[in-house]
Amino acid sequence: MRIVVLSDTHGNIDFVIKEIKKIENVDLLLHLGDYSKDVDKMREILKVDIINVKGNCDFYDYSTKEEEIIQIEGKKILLTHGHRYNVKFGINNLYYRSKELGIDVVLFGHSHVPVLLKHDGVLFFNPGSPTHPRGGSSRSYGILDIDDEVKPILCDLSL
């Protein structure tokens, strides 16, 4: 299964949509918050299933969950924006949450800085931001290819 992972789009997604259209065999898109309105537009244009969680800037969105756990190909995946776990100061809180829940993959955003780290059997993946990168990072998004194992790809959108 091929999954596109986005976070922190903040309303500027036209070029992101063009990029996603170039990706072959996309089965699912995961949006990790900060601009739920972007998800509606992507659903309409991309015609792909999308699961999203609410970010700290999605204060107007009352129906979207702040955290979601999904199962894909036998892997348990936690989706969160990350602000409730203080990810700008490290991933310790996410690590403990993943162990508490028996999670295989943690997907998060909020910092706008990509993270790709495997620790103690858990993959931690922040795709960064395709619109407002921080910390010297490039505009980016992620892809997860999942079959028997999870293969993360960090995709650079630098021009």
C-alpha atoms as a PDB file:
ATOM      1  CA  MET A   1       0.000   0.000   0.000  1.00  0.00           C
ATOM      2  CA  ARG A   2       1.279   3.473  -0.886  1.00  0.00           C
ATOM      3  CA  ILE A   3       0.365   6.326   1.453  1.00  0.00           C
ATOM      4  CA  VAL A   4       1.123  10.035   1.037  1.00  0.00           C
ATOM      5  CA  VAL A   5       1.727  11.792   4.369  1.00  0.00           C
ATOM      6  CA  LEU A   6       1.253  15.567   4.687  1.00  0.00           C
ATOM      7  CA  SER A   7       1.257  18.029   7.530  1.00  0.00           C
ATOM      8  CA  ASP A   8       1.127  21.776   8.023  1.00  0.00           C
ATOM      9  CA  THR A   9      -0.126  22.789   4.581  1.00  0.00           C
ATOM     10  CA  HIS A  10      -1.670  26.016   5.940  1.00  0.00           C
ATOM     11  CA  GLY A  11      -3.886  26.775   2.935  1.00  0.00           C
ATOM     12  CA  ASN A  12      -1.317  26.753   0.141  1.00  0.00           C
ATOM     13  CA  ILE A  13      -1.828  23.434  -1.603  1.00  0.00           C
ATOM     14  CA  ASP A  14      -2.163  23.949  -5.356  1.00  0.00           C
ATOM     15  CA  PHE A  15       1.435  22.921  -6.066  1.00  0.00           C
ATOM     16  CA  VAL A  16       1.143  20.107  -3.495  1.00  0.00           C
ATOM     17  CA  ILE A  17      -1.855  18.710  -5.373  1.00  0.00           C
ATOM     18  CA  LYS A  18       0.127  18.839  -8.642  1.00  0.00           C
ATOM     19  CA  GLU A  19       2.964  16.942  -6.976  1.00  0.00           C
ATOM     20  CA  ILE A  20       0.674  14.269  -5.528  1.00  0.00           C
ATOM     21  CA  LYS A  21      -0.928  13.737  -8.945  1.00  0.00           C
ATOM     22  CA  LYS A  22       2.534  12.694 -10.230  1.00  0.00           C
ATOM     23  CA  ILE A  23       2.855   9.902  -7.667  1.00  0.00           C
ATOM     24  CA  GLU A  24       1.852   6.504  -8.982  1.00  0.00           C
ATOM     25  CA  ASN A  25      -0.482   4.118  -7.170  1.00  0.00           C
ATOM     26  CA  VAL A  26      -1.499   6.280  -4.206  1.00  0.00           C
ATOM     27  CA  ASP A  27      -3.940   4.298  -2.050  1.00  0.00           C
ATOM     28  CA  LEU A  28      -4.413   6.736   0.817  1.00  0.00           C
ATOM     29  CA  LEU A  29      -3.492  10.238   1.948  1.00  0.00           C
ATOM     30  CA  LEU A  30      -2.912  11.103   5.605  1.00  0.00           C
ATOM     31  CA  HIS A  31      -3.045  14.761   6.643  1.00  0.00           C
ATOM     32  CA  LEU A  32      -1.649  15.445  10.100  1.00  0.00           C
ATOM     33  CA  GLY A  33      -3.276  18.784  10.749  1.00  0.00           C
ATOM     34  CA  ASP A  34      -2.988  22.468  10.372  1.00  0.00           C
ATOM     35  CA  TYR A  35      -5.461  23.311   7.807  1.00  0.00           C
ATOM     36  CA  SER A  36      -8.401  20.933   7.684  1.00  0.00           C
ATOM     37  CA  LYS A  37      -9.930  23.039   4.912  1.00  0.00           C
ATOM     38  CA  ASP A  38      -7.115  21.828   2.652  1.00  0.00           C
ATOM     39  CA  VAL A  39      -8.339  18.270   3.137  1.00  0.00           C
ATOM     40  CA  ASP A  40     -11.749  19.092   1.662  1.00  0.00           C
ATOM     41  CA  LYS A  41     -10.127  20.567  -1.452  1.00  0.00           C
ATOM     42  CA  MET A  42      -7.737  17.620  -1.813  1.00  0.00           C
ATOM     43  CA  ARG A  43     -10.570  15.108  -1.484  1.00  0.00           C
ATOM     44  CA  GLU A  44     -12.478  16.841  -4.245  1.00  0.00           C
ATOM     45  CA  ILE A  45      -9.548  17.132  -6.662  1.00  0.00           C
ATOM     46  CA  LEU A  46      -7.465  14.012  -5.957  1.00  0.00           C
ATOM     47  CA  LYS A  47     -10.296  11.485  -5.601  1.00  0.00           C
ATOM     48  CA  VAL A  48      -8.329   9.514  -3.011  1.00  0.00           C
ATOM     49  CA  ASP A  49      -9.307   8.399   0.470  1.00  0.00           C
ATOM     50  CA  ILE A  50      -7.993  10.814   3.089  1.00  0.00           C
ATOM     51  CA  ILE A  51      -7.753  10.441   6.838  1.00  0.00           C
ATOM     52  CA  ASN A  52      -6.904  13.570   8.771  1.00  0.00           C
ATOM     53  CA  VAL A  53      -6.436  14.769  12.300  1.00  0.00           C
ATOM     54  CA  LYS A  54      -6.829  18.246  13.719  1.00  0.00           C
ATOM     55  CA  GLY A  55      -3.858  20.521  14.378  1.00  0.00           C
ATOM     56  CA  ASN A  56      -3.428  23.448  16.735  1.00  0.00           C
ATOM     57  CA  CYS A  57      -4.452  25.900  13.982  1.00  0.00           C
ATOM     58  CA  ASP A  58      -7.667  23.995  13.223  1.00  0.00           C
ATOM     59  CA  PHE A  59      -9.621  25.654  16.014  1.00  0.00           C
ATOM     60  CA  TYR A  60     -12.667  26.113  13.754  1.00  0.00           C
ATOM     61  CA  ASP A  61     -12.877  22.351  13.053  1.00  0.00           C
ATOM     62  CA  TYR A  62     -15.080  20.725  15.673  1.00  0.00           C
ATOM     63  CA  SER A  63     -15.691  17.385  13.980  1.00  0.00           C
ATOM     64  CA  THR A  64     -12.140  16.145  13.318  1.00  0.00           C
ATOM     65  CA  LYS A  65     -10.342  14.083  15.964  1.00  0.00           C
ATOM     66  CA  GLU A  66      -7.048  15.249  17.441  1.00  0.00           C
ATOM     67  CA  GLU A  67      -5.654  11.729  17.352  1.00  0.00           C
ATOM     68  CA  GLU A  68      -6.429   8.638  15.300  1.00  0.00           C
ATOM     69  CA  ILE A  69      -5.151   5.074  15.374  1.00  0.00           C
ATOM     70  CA  ILE A  70      -5.421   3.087  12.154  1.00  0.00           C
ATOM     71  CA  GLN A  71      -4.377  -0.440  11.147  1.00  0.00           C
ATOM     72  CA  ILE A  72      -2.797  -0.968   7.738  1.00  0.00           C
ATOM     73  CA  GLU A  73      -1.259  -4.235   6.554  1.00  0.00           C
ATOM     74  CA  GLY A  74      -1.019  -5.393  10.168  1.00  0.00           C
ATOM     75  CA  LYS A  75       0.756  -2.231  11.326  1.00  0.00           C
ATOM     76  CA  LYS A  76      -0.733  -0.065  14.054  1.00  0.00           C
ATOM     77  CA  ILE A  77      -0.291   3.622  13.159  1.00  0.00           C
ATOM     78  CA  LEU A  78      -0.842   6.648  15.388  1.00  0.00           C
ATOM     79  CA  LEU A  79      -1.783   9.901  13.623  1.00  0.00           C
ATOM     80  CA  THR A  80      -1.403  13.107  15.617  1.00  0.00           C
ATOM     81  CA  HIS A  81      -0.474  16.679  14.901  1.00  0.00           C
ATOM     82  CA  GLY A  82       1.987  16.612  17.762  1.00  0.00           C
ATOM     83  CA  HIS A  83       1.254  19.825  19.618  1.00  0.00           C
ATOM     84  CA  ARG A  84      -0.337  17.929  22.511  1.00  0.00           C
ATOM     85  CA  TYR A  85       2.919  15.971  22.854  1.00  0.00           C
ATOM     86  CA  ASN A  86       5.224  19.029  22.742  1.00  0.00           C
ATOM     87  CA  VAL A  87       7.106  17.656  19.733  1.00  0.00           C
ATOM     88  CA  LYS A  88       8.970  20.921  19.263  1.00  0.00           C
ATOM     89  CA  PHE A  89      10.948  19.884  22.356  1.00  0.00           C
ATOM     90  CA  GLY A  90      11.521  16.239  21.396  1.00  0.00           C
ATOM     91  CA  ILE A  91       9.611  13.018  20.881  1.00  0.00           C
ATOM     92  CA  ASN A  92       9.799  11.512  24.384  1.00  0.00           C
ATOM     93  CA  ASN A  93       6.077  12.030  25.000  1.00  0.00           C
ATOM     94  CA  LEU A  94       5.245  10.415  21.644  1.00  0.00           C
ATOM     95  CA  TYR A  95       7.576   7.526  22.437  1.00  0.00           C
ATOM     96  CA  TYR A  96       5.839   6.784  25.739  1.00  0.00           C
ATOM     97  CA  ARG A  97       2.415   7.092  24.106  1.00  0.00           C
ATOM     98  CA  SER A  98       3.463   4.678  21.346  1.00  0.00           C
ATOM     99  CA  LYS A  99       4.626   2.119  23.906  1.00  0.00           C
ATOM    100  CA  GLU A 100       1.443   2.541  25.938  1.00  0.00           C
ATOM    101  CA  LEU A 101      -0.686   1.813  22.851  1.00  0.00           C
ATOM    102  CA  GLY A 102       1.510  -0.807  21.144  1.00  0.00           C
ATOM    103  CA  ILE A 103       2.090   1.409  18.099  1.00  0.00           C
ATOM    104  CA  ASP A 104       4.370   0.462  15.170  1.00  0.00           C
ATOM    105  CA  VAL A 105       4.421   3.853  13.401  1.00  0.00           C
ATOM    106  CA  VAL A 106       3.883   7.364  14.786  1.00  0.00           C
ATOM    107  CA  LEU A 107       3.051  10.060  12.223  1.00  0.00           C
ATOM    108  CA  PHE A 108       3.149  13.647  13.435  1.00  0.00           C
ATOM    109  CA  GLY A 109       3.699  17.242  12.314  1.00  0.00           C
ATOM    110  CA  HIS A 110       3.548  20.612  14.093  1.00  0.00           C
ATOM    111  CA  SER A 111       7.262  21.472  14.080  1.00  0.00           C
ATOM    112  CA  HIS A 112       7.451  21.885  10.264  1.00  0.00           C
ATOM    113  CA  VAL A 113      10.781  20.026  10.510  1.00  0.00           C
ATOM    114  CA  PRO A 114      11.094  16.537   9.004  1.00  0.00           C
ATOM    115  CA  VAL A 115      11.896  13.639  11.319  1.00  0.00           C
ATOM    116  CA  LEU A 116      12.617  10.083  10.246  1.00  0.00           C
ATOM    117  CA  LEU A 117      13.728   7.946  13.162  1.00  0.00           C
ATOM    118  CA  LYS A 118      13.323   4.354  14.240  1.00  0.00           C
ATOM    119  CA  HIS A 119      13.711   3.765  17.955  1.00  0.00           C
ATOM    120  CA  ASP A 120      12.922   0.691  20.026  1.00  0.00           C
ATOM    121  CA  GLY A 121      10.912  -0.845  17.176  1.00  0.00           C
ATOM    122  CA  VAL A 122       8.790   2.252  16.523  1.00  0.00           C
ATOM    123  CA  LEU A 123       9.063   4.414  13.409  1.00  0.00           C
ATOM    124  CA  PHE A 124       8.625   8.148  14.105  1.00  0.00           C
ATOM    125  CA  PHE A 125       7.889  10.118  10.927  1.00  0.00           C
ATOM    126  CA  ASN A 126       7.208  13.827  10.552  1.00  0.00           C
ATOM    127  CA  PRO A 127       6.925  14.768   6.850  1.00  0.00           C
ATOM    128  CA  GLY A 128       7.817  18.416   7.548  1.00  0.00           C
ATOM    129  CA  SER A 129       5.817  21.086   5.762  1.00  0.00           C
ATOM    130  CA  PRO A 130       5.338  21.497   2.013  1.00  0.00           C
ATOM    131  CA  THR A 131       4.537  25.207   2.473  1.00  0.00           C
ATOM    132  CA  HIS A 132       6.329  26.618   5.530  1.00  0.00           C
ATOM    133  CA  PRO A 133       9.487  24.641   6.363  1.00  0.00           C
ATOM    134  CA  ARG A 134      11.444  25.555   9.467  1.00  0.00           C
ATOM    135  CA  GLY A 135      14.805  24.861  11.009  1.00  0.00           C
ATOM    136  CA  GLY A 136      16.685  25.041   7.727  1.00  0.00           C
ATOM    137  CA  SER A 137      14.676  22.193   6.206  1.00  0.00           C
ATOM    138  CA  SER A 138      13.251  22.132   2.685  1.00  0.00           C
ATOM    139  CA  ARG A 139       9.583  22.017   1.726  1.00  0.00           C
ATOM    140  CA  SER A 140       8.644  18.353   2.057  1.00  0.00           C
ATOM    141  CA  TYR A 141       6.063  15.597   2.401  1.00  0.00           C
ATOM    142  CA  GLY A 142       6.276  11.873   3.006  1.00  0.00           C
ATOM    143  CA  ILE A 143       5.409   8.564   1.448  1.00  0.00           C
ATOM    144  CA  LEU A 144       4.935   5.292   3.305  1.00  0.00           C
ATOM    145  CA  ASP A 145       5.086   2.084   1.332  1.00  0.00           C
ATOM    146  CA  ILE A 146       3.680  -0.698   3.497  1.00  0.00           C
ATOM    147  CA  ASP A 147       3.730  -4.387   2.713  1.00  0.00           C
ATOM    148  CA  ASP A 148       5.507  -6.814   5.045  1.00  0.00           C
ATOM    149  CA  GLU A 149       7.484  -3.855   6.347  1.00  0.00           C
ATOM    150  CA  VAL A 150       7.103  -0.081   6.463  1.00  0.00           C
ATOM    151  CA  LYS A 151       9.313   1.861   4.063  1.00  0.00           C
ATOM    152  CA  PRO A 152       9.277   5.625   4.704  1.00  0.00           C
ATOM    153  CA  ILE A 153      10.377   8.134   2.060  1.00  0.00           C
ATOM    154  CA  LEU A 154      10.928  11.814   2.761  1.00  0.00           C
ATOM    155  CA  CYS A 155      10.225  13.793  -0.430  1.00  0.00           C
ATOM    156  CA  ASP A 156      11.928  17.154  -0.954  1.00  0.00           C
ATOM    157  CA  LEU A 157       9.878  19.799  -2.792  1.00  0.00           C
ATOM    158  CA  SER A 158      12.757  22.224  -3.319  1.00  0.00           C
ATOM    159  CA  LEU A 159      12.554  24.071  -6.594  1.00  0.00           C
END
